[in-house]
Amino acid sequence: MVTIDQARAAKAELRKAVDGVDGVCGVGLAQRGSDTDWVLQVNVENARARKDVPPVVEGVPVRVHVVGPVRAL
């Protein structure tokens, strides 16, 4: 189980890891299962970007979510 504080601490490292990866459009936190279990989430435009996202950062699992192109409204 990962606490929200652990996930927050790992988020900065994940941002560095995906900086410059083509197709990444967001990095955040998400609950996994219970209110007290957290993961890092990376939103990507397409499945190709998934290969450049690490599966774990500082012991915190990383979930990749394909959201498609992001455009301003």
PDB file of N, CA and C in Angstrom:
ATOM      1  N   MET A   1       0.847  -1.171   0.000  1.00  0.00           N
ATOM      2  CA  MET A   1       0.000   0.000   0.000  1.00  0.00           C
ATOM      3  C   MET A   1       0.899   1.242   0.000  1.00  0.00           C
ATOM      4  N   VAL A   2       0.507   2.231  -0.787  1.00  0.00           N
ATOM      5  CA  VAL A   2       1.263   3.482  -0.912  1.00  0.00           C
ATOM      6  C   VAL A   2       0.407   4.622  -0.361  1.00  0.00           C
ATOM      7  N   THR A   3       0.983   5.401   0.546  1.00  0.00           N
ATOM      8  CA  THR A   3       0.256   6.543   1.097  1.00  0.00           C
ATOM      9  C   THR A   3       0.286   7.706   0.109  1.00  0.00           C
ATOM     10  N   ILE A   4      -0.609   8.649   0.327  1.00  0.00           N
ATOM     11  CA  ILE A   4      -0.643   9.821  -0.546  1.00  0.00           C
ATOM     12  C   ILE A   4       0.650  10.627  -0.416  1.00  0.00           C
ATOM     13  N   ASP A   5       1.238  10.659   0.772  1.00  0.00           N
ATOM     14  CA  ASP A   5       2.501  11.385   0.948  1.00  0.00           C
ATOM     15  C   ASP A   5       3.635  10.747   0.156  1.00  0.00           C
ATOM     16  N   GLN A   6       3.687   9.420   0.128  1.00  0.00           N
ATOM     17  CA  GLN A   6       4.704   8.728  -0.669  1.00  0.00           C
ATOM     18  C   GLN A   6       4.503   9.017  -2.155  1.00  0.00           C
ATOM     19  N   ALA A   7       3.244   8.998  -2.601  1.00  0.00           N
ATOM     20  CA  ALA A   7       2.945   9.259  -4.010  1.00  0.00           C
ATOM     21  C   ALA A   7       3.306  10.697  -4.379  1.00  0.00           C
ATOM     22  N   ARG A   8       2.996  11.634  -3.498  1.00  0.00           N
ATOM     23  CA  ARG A   8       3.331  13.040  -3.769  1.00  0.00           C
ATOM     24  C   ARG A   8       4.843  13.224  -3.889  1.00  0.00           C
ATOM     25  N   ALA A   9       5.586  12.566  -3.007  1.00  0.00           N
ATOM     26  CA  ALA A   9       7.042  12.684  -3.042  1.00  0.00           C
ATOM     27  C   ALA A   9       7.619  12.106  -4.334  1.00  0.00           C
ATOM     28  N   ALA A  10       7.053  11.019  -4.818  1.00  0.00           N
ATOM     29  CA  ALA A  10       7.545  10.364  -6.036  1.00  0.00           C
ATOM     30  C   ALA A  10       7.119  11.106  -7.303  1.00  0.00           C
ATOM     31  N   LYS A  11       6.080  11.915  -7.219  1.00  0.00           N
ATOM     32  CA  LYS A  11       5.550  12.608  -8.402  1.00  0.00           C
ATOM     33  C   LYS A  11       6.600  13.514  -9.050  1.00  0.00           C
ATOM     34  N   ALA A  12       7.384  14.208  -8.251  1.00  0.00           N
ATOM     35  CA  ALA A  12       8.410  15.096  -8.808  1.00  0.00           C
ATOM     36  C   ALA A  12       9.445  14.305  -9.602  1.00  0.00           C
ATOM     37  N   GLU A  13       9.825  13.145  -9.087  1.00  0.00           N
ATOM     38  CA  GLU A  13      10.782  12.292  -9.796  1.00  0.00           C
ATOM     39  C   GLU A  13      10.183  11.758 -11.094  1.00  0.00           C
ATOM     40  N   LEU A  14       8.911  11.412 -11.078  1.00  0.00           N
ATOM     41  CA  LEU A  14       8.238  10.943 -12.289  1.00  0.00           C
ATOM     42  C   LEU A  14       8.188  12.047 -13.335  1.00  0.00           C
ATOM     43  N   ARG A  15       7.906  13.269 -12.910  1.00  0.00           N
ATOM     44  CA  ARG A  15       7.881  14.391 -13.861  1.00  0.00           C
ATOM     45  C   ARG A  15       9.222  14.521 -14.579  1.00  0.00           C
ATOM     46  N   LYS A  16      10.312  14.378 -13.830  1.00  0.00           N
ATOM     47  CA  LYS A  16      11.643  14.437 -14.443  1.00  0.00           C
ATOM     48  C   LYS A  16      11.836  13.288 -15.429  1.00  0.00           C
ATOM     49  N   ALA A  17      11.358  12.101 -15.069  1.00  0.00           N
ATOM     50  CA  ALA A  17      11.544  10.915 -15.902  1.00  0.00           C
ATOM     51  C   ALA A  17      10.801  11.016 -17.231  1.00  0.00           C
ATOM     52  N   VAL A  18       9.659  11.698 -17.244  1.00  0.00           N
ATOM     53  CA  VAL A  18       8.860  11.773 -18.482  1.00  0.00           C
ATOM     54  C   VAL A  18       8.981  13.122 -19.177  1.00  0.00           C
ATOM     55  N   ASP A  19       9.799  14.014 -18.618  1.00  0.00           N
ATOM     56  CA  ASP A  19      10.004  15.313 -19.259  1.00  0.00           C
ATOM     57  C   ASP A  19      10.584  15.100 -20.651  1.00  0.00           C
ATOM     58  N   GLY A  20       9.931  15.632 -21.634  1.00  0.00           N
ATOM     59  CA  GLY A  20      10.407  15.500 -23.001  1.00  0.00           C
ATOM     60  C   GLY A  20       9.925  14.254 -23.724  1.00  0.00           C
ATOM     61  N   VAL A  21       9.188  13.376 -23.047  1.00  0.00           N
ATOM     62  CA  VAL A  21       8.649  12.188 -23.711  1.00  0.00           C
ATOM     63  C   VAL A  21       7.481  12.624 -24.583  1.00  0.00           C
ATOM     64  N   ASP A  22       7.585  12.360 -25.867  1.00  0.00           N
ATOM     65  CA  ASP A  22       6.544  12.743 -26.812  1.00  0.00           C
ATOM     66  C   ASP A  22       5.253  11.995 -26.505  1.00  0.00           C
ATOM     67  N   GLY A  23       4.161  12.726 -26.362  1.00  0.00           N
ATOM     68  CA  GLY A  23       2.856  12.117 -26.128  1.00  0.00           C
ATOM     69  C   GLY A  23       2.382  12.186 -24.694  1.00  0.00           C
ATOM     70  N   VAL A  24       3.247  12.561 -23.750  1.00  0.00           N
ATOM     71  CA  VAL A  24       2.814  12.698 -22.360  1.00  0.00           C
ATOM     72  C   VAL A  24       2.102  14.036 -22.209  1.00  0.00           C
ATOM     73  N   CYS A  25       0.892  14.011 -21.653  1.00  0.00           N
ATOM     74  CA  CYS A  25       0.136  15.251 -21.519  1.00  0.00           C
ATOM     75  C   CYS A  25      -0.292  15.546 -20.083  1.00  0.00           C
ATOM     76  N   GLY A  26       0.102  14.698 -19.134  1.00  0.00           N
ATOM     77  CA  GLY A  26      -0.232  14.989 -17.745  1.00  0.00           C
ATOM     78  C   GLY A  26       0.344  13.969 -16.787  1.00  0.00           C
ATOM     79  N   VAL A  27       0.648  14.423 -15.568  1.00  0.00           N
ATOM     80  CA  VAL A  27       1.146  13.560 -14.500  1.00  0.00           C
ATOM     81  C   VAL A  27       0.354  13.898 -13.248  1.00  0.00           C
ATOM     82  N   GLY A  28      -0.139  12.874 -12.569  1.00  0.00           N
ATOM     83  CA  GLY A  28      -0.913  13.136 -11.360  1.00  0.00           C
ATOM     84  C   GLY A  28      -0.945  11.944 -10.437  1.00  0.00           C
ATOM     85  N   LEU A  29      -1.858  11.979  -9.476  1.00  0.00           N
ATOM     86  CA  LEU A  29      -2.049  10.913  -8.504  1.00  0.00           C
ATOM     87  C   LEU A  29      -3.435  10.313  -8.701  1.00  0.00           C
ATOM     88  N   ALA A  30      -3.570   9.037  -8.376  1.00  0.00           N
ATOM     89  CA  ALA A  30      -4.869   8.378  -8.474  1.00  0.00           C
ATOM     90  C   ALA A  30      -4.980   7.339  -7.368  1.00  0.00           C
ATOM     91  N   GLN A  31      -6.192   7.136  -6.888  1.00  0.00           N
ATOM     92  CA  GLN A  31      -6.421   6.095  -5.890  1.00  0.00           C
ATOM     93  C   GLN A  31      -6.464   4.742  -6.574  1.00  0.00           C
ATOM     94  N   ARG A  32      -6.001   3.732  -5.829  1.00  0.00           N
ATOM     95  CA  ARG A  32      -6.023   2.364  -6.361  1.00  0.00           C
ATOM     96  C   ARG A  32      -6.730   1.498  -5.338  1.00  0.00           C
ATOM     97  N   GLY A  33      -7.946   1.137  -5.640  1.00  0.00           N
ATOM     98  CA  GLY A  33      -8.689   0.250  -4.741  1.00  0.00           C
ATOM     99  C   GLY A  33      -9.298   0.954  -3.553  1.00  0.00           C
ATOM    100  N   SER A  34      -8.489   1.270  -2.534  1.00  0.00           N
ATOM    101  CA  SER A  34      -9.034   1.866  -1.317  1.00  0.00           C
ATOM    102  C   SER A  34      -8.667   3.346  -1.216  1.00  0.00           C
ATOM    103  N   ASP A  35      -9.233   3.995  -0.203  1.00  0.00           N
ATOM    104  CA  ASP A  35      -8.981   5.423   0.016  1.00  0.00           C
ATOM    105  C   ASP A  35      -7.542   5.708   0.418  1.00  0.00           C
ATOM    106  N   THR A  36      -6.831   4.691   0.882  1.00  0.00           N
ATOM    107  CA  THR A  36      -5.490   4.903   1.415  1.00  0.00           C
ATOM    108  C   THR A  36      -4.393   4.295   0.552  1.00  0.00           C
ATOM    109  N   ASP A  37      -4.717   3.856  -0.648  1.00  0.00           N
ATOM    110  CA  ASP A  37      -3.728   3.257  -1.545  1.00  0.00           C
ATOM    111  C   ASP A  37      -3.655   4.093  -2.819  1.00  0.00           C
ATOM    112  N   TRP A  38      -2.466   4.626  -3.116  1.00  0.00           N
ATOM    113  CA  TRP A  38      -2.300   5.578  -4.204  1.00  0.00           C
ATOM    114  C   TRP A  38      -1.286   5.099  -5.234  1.00  0.00           C
ATOM    115  N   VAL A  39      -1.442   5.565  -6.467  1.00  0.00           N
ATOM    116  CA  VAL A  39      -0.495   5.322  -7.553  1.00  0.00           C
ATOM    117  C   VAL A  39      -0.243   6.645  -8.251  1.00  0.00           C
ATOM    118  N   LEU A  40       0.799   6.674  -9.052  1.00  0.00           N
ATOM    119  CA  LEU A  40       1.053   7.806  -9.939  1.00  0.00           C
ATOM    120  C   LEU A  40       0.345   7.521 -11.250  1.00  0.00           C
ATOM    121  N   GLN A  41      -0.188   8.545 -11.876  1.00  0.00           N
ATOM    122  CA  GLN A  41      -0.853   8.347 -13.165  1.00  0.00           C
ATOM    123  C   GLN A  41      -0.243   9.274 -14.199  1.00  0.00           C
ATOM    124  N   VAL A  42       0.046   8.705 -15.364  1.00  0.00           N
ATOM    125  CA  VAL A  42       0.548   9.484 -16.492  1.00  0.00           C
ATOM    126  C   VAL A  42      -0.488   9.401 -17.600  1.00  0.00           C
ATOM    127  N   ASN A  43      -0.965  10.548 -18.047  1.00  0.00           N
ATOM    128  CA  ASN A  43      -1.888  10.602 -19.178  1.00  0.00           C
ATOM    129  C   ASN A  43      -1.074  10.789 -20.446  1.00  0.00           C
ATOM    130  N   VAL A  44      -1.360   9.948 -21.448  1.00  0.00           N
ATOM    131  CA  VAL A  44      -0.638  10.016 -22.714  1.00  0.00           C
ATOM    132  C   VAL A  44      -1.628  10.135 -23.861  1.00  0.00           C
ATOM    133  N   GLU A  45      -1.151  10.689 -24.962  1.00  0.00           N
ATOM    134  CA  GLU A  45      -2.009  10.863 -26.131  1.00  0.00           C
ATOM    135  C   GLU A  45      -2.246   9.575 -26.890  1.00  0.00           C
ATOM    136  N   ASN A  46      -1.251   8.671 -26.875  1.00  0.00           N
ATOM    137  CA  ASN A  46      -1.393   7.422 -27.622  1.00  0.00           C
ATOM    138  C   ASN A  46      -0.595   6.315 -26.934  1.00  0.00           C
ATOM    139  N   ALA A  47      -0.870   5.100 -27.301  1.00  0.00           N
ATOM    140  CA  ALA A  47      -0.239   3.943 -26.657  1.00  0.00           C
ATOM    141  C   ALA A  47       1.269   3.883 -26.897  1.00  0.00           C
ATOM    142  N   ARG A  48       1.764   4.490 -27.958  1.00  0.00           N
ATOM    143  CA  ARG A  48       3.209   4.475 -28.229  1.00  0.00           C
ATOM    144  C   ARG A  48       4.006   5.147 -27.110  1.00  0.00           C
ATOM    145  N   ALA A  49       3.447   6.164 -26.490  1.00  0.00           N
ATOM    146  CA  ALA A  49       4.143   6.882 -25.416  1.00  0.00           C
ATOM    147  C   ALA A  49       4.302   6.017 -24.170  1.00  0.00           C
ATOM    148  N   ARG A  50       3.496   4.992 -24.032  1.00  0.00           N
ATOM    149  CA  ARG A  50       3.511   4.114 -22.862  1.00  0.00           C
ATOM    150  C   ARG A  50       4.885   3.481 -22.639  1.00  0.00           C
ATOM    151  N   LYS A  51       5.584   3.154 -23.719  1.00  0.00           N
ATOM    152  CA  LYS A  51       6.862   2.434 -23.610  1.00  0.00           C
ATOM    153  C   LYS A  51       7.949   3.261 -22.928  1.00  0.00           C
ATOM    154  N   ASP A  52       7.815   4.575 -22.908  1.00  0.00           N
ATOM    155  CA  ASP A  52       8.825   5.448 -22.319  1.00  0.00           C
ATOM    156  C   ASP A  52       8.495   5.881 -20.890  1.00  0.00           C
ATOM    157  N   VAL A  53       7.434   5.331 -20.321  1.00  0.00           N
ATOM    158  CA  VAL A  53       7.027   5.669 -18.958  1.00  0.00           C
ATOM    159  C   VAL A  53       7.475   4.552 -18.027  1.00  0.00           C
ATOM    160  N   PRO A  54       8.214   4.884 -16.959  1.00  0.00           N
ATOM    161  CA  PRO A  54       8.661   3.838 -16.037  1.00  0.00           C
ATOM    162  C   PRO A  54       7.473   3.209 -15.300  1.00  0.00           C
ATOM    163  N   PRO A  55       7.523   1.903 -15.011  1.00  0.00           N
ATOM    164  CA  PRO A  55       6.405   1.238 -14.338  1.00  0.00           C
ATOM    165  C   PRO A  55       6.330   1.531 -12.840  1.00  0.00           C
ATOM    166  N   VAL A  56       7.458   1.913 -12.245  1.00  0.00           N
ATOM    167  CA  VAL A  56       7.515   2.201 -10.809  1.00  0.00           C
ATOM    168  C   VAL A  56       8.514   3.337 -10.591  1.00  0.00           C
ATOM    169  N   VAL A  57       8.179   4.275  -9.703  1.00  0.00           N
ATOM    170  CA  VAL A  57       9.086   5.361  -9.340  1.00  0.00           C
ATOM    171  C   VAL A  57       9.124   5.440  -7.814  1.00  0.00           C
ATOM    172  N   GLU A  58      10.322   5.289  -7.259  1.00  0.00           N
ATOM    173  CA  GLU A  58      10.526   5.341  -5.813  1.00  0.00           C
ATOM    174  C   GLU A  58       9.562   4.409  -5.074  1.00  0.00           C
ATOM    175  N   GLY A  59       9.319   3.237  -5.636  1.00  0.00           N
ATOM    176  CA  GLY A  59       8.448   2.252  -5.007  1.00  0.00           C
ATOM    177  C   GLY A  59       6.967   2.467  -5.221  1.00  0.00           C
ATOM    178  N   VAL A  60       6.607   3.495  -5.974  1.00  0.00           N
ATOM    179  CA  VAL A  60       5.200   3.806  -6.235  1.00  0.00           C
ATOM    180  C   VAL A  60       4.850   3.343  -7.650  1.00  0.00           C
ATOM    181  N   PRO A  61       3.823   2.491  -7.800  1.00  0.00           N
ATOM    182  CA  PRO A  61       3.424   2.042  -9.133  1.00  0.00           C
ATOM    183  C   PRO A  61       2.938   3.203  -9.998  1.00  0.00           C
ATOM    184  N   VAL A  62       3.184   3.070 -11.306  1.00  0.00           N
ATOM    185  CA  VAL A  62       2.765   4.092 -12.261  1.00  0.00           C
ATOM    186  C   VAL A  62       1.720   3.489 -13.191  1.00  0.00           C
ATOM    187  N   ARG A  63       0.579   4.153 -13.281  1.00  0.00           N
ATOM    188  CA  ARG A  63      -0.498   3.730 -14.176  1.00  0.00           C
ATOM    189  C   ARG A  63      -0.490   4.669 -15.378  1.00  0.00           C
ATOM    190  N   VAL A  64      -0.566   4.113 -16.575  1.00  0.00           N
ATOM    191  CA  VAL A  64      -0.602   4.925 -17.796  1.00  0.00           C
ATOM    192  C   VAL A  64      -2.017   4.885 -18.348  1.00  0.00           C
ATOM    193  N   HIS A  65      -2.553   6.060 -18.630  1.00  0.00           N
ATOM    194  CA  HIS A  65      -3.921   6.182 -19.133  1.00  0.00           C
ATOM    195  C   HIS A  65      -3.876   6.891 -20.486  1.00  0.00           C
ATOM    196  N   VAL A  66      -4.339   6.220 -21.532  1.00  0.00           N
ATOM    197  CA  VAL A  66      -4.363   6.810 -22.870  1.00  0.00           C
ATOM    198  C   VAL A  66      -5.630   7.675 -22.962  1.00  0.00           C
ATOM    199  N   VAL A  67      -5.428   9.002 -23.127  1.00  0.00           N
ATOM    200  CA  VAL A  67      -6.550   9.935 -23.146  1.00  0.00           C
ATOM    201  C   VAL A  67      -6.784  10.553 -24.520  1.00  0.00           C
ATOM    202  N   GLY A  68      -5.878  10.310 -25.460  1.00  0.00           N
ATOM    203  CA  GLY A  68      -5.999  10.920 -26.779  1.00  0.00           C
ATOM    204  C   GLY A  68      -5.442  12.323 -26.776  1.00  0.00           C
ATOM    205  N   PRO A  69      -5.530  13.010 -27.905  1.00  0.00           N
ATOM    206  CA  PRO A  69      -4.989  14.373 -27.997  1.00  0.00           C
ATOM    207  C   PRO A  69      -5.724  15.326 -27.060  1.00  0.00           C
ATOM    208  N   VAL A  70      -4.986  16.220 -26.437  1.00  0.00           N
ATOM    209  CA  VAL A  70      -5.569  17.203 -25.530  1.00  0.00           C
ATOM    210  C   VAL A  70      -5.558  18.547 -26.246  1.00  0.00           C
ATOM    211  N   ARG A  71      -6.718  19.191 -26.293  1.00  0.00           N
ATOM    212  CA  ARG A  71      -6.851  20.479 -26.968  1.00  0.00           C
ATOM    213  C   ARG A  71      -7.564  21.470 -26.073  1.00  0.00           C
ATOM    214  N   ALA A  72      -7.187  22.719 -26.163  1.00  0.00           N
ATOM    215  CA  ALA A  72      -7.877  23.780 -25.420  1.00  0.00           C
ATOM    216  C   ALA A  72      -9.265  23.972 -26.026  1.00  0.00           C
ATOM    217  N   LEU A  73     -10.230  24.256 -25.181  1.00  0.00           N
ATOM    218  CA  LEU A  73     -11.590  24.493 -25.666  1.00  0.00           C
ATOM    219  C   LEU A  73     -11.808  25.926 -26.027  1.00  0.00           C
TER     220      LEU A  73
END
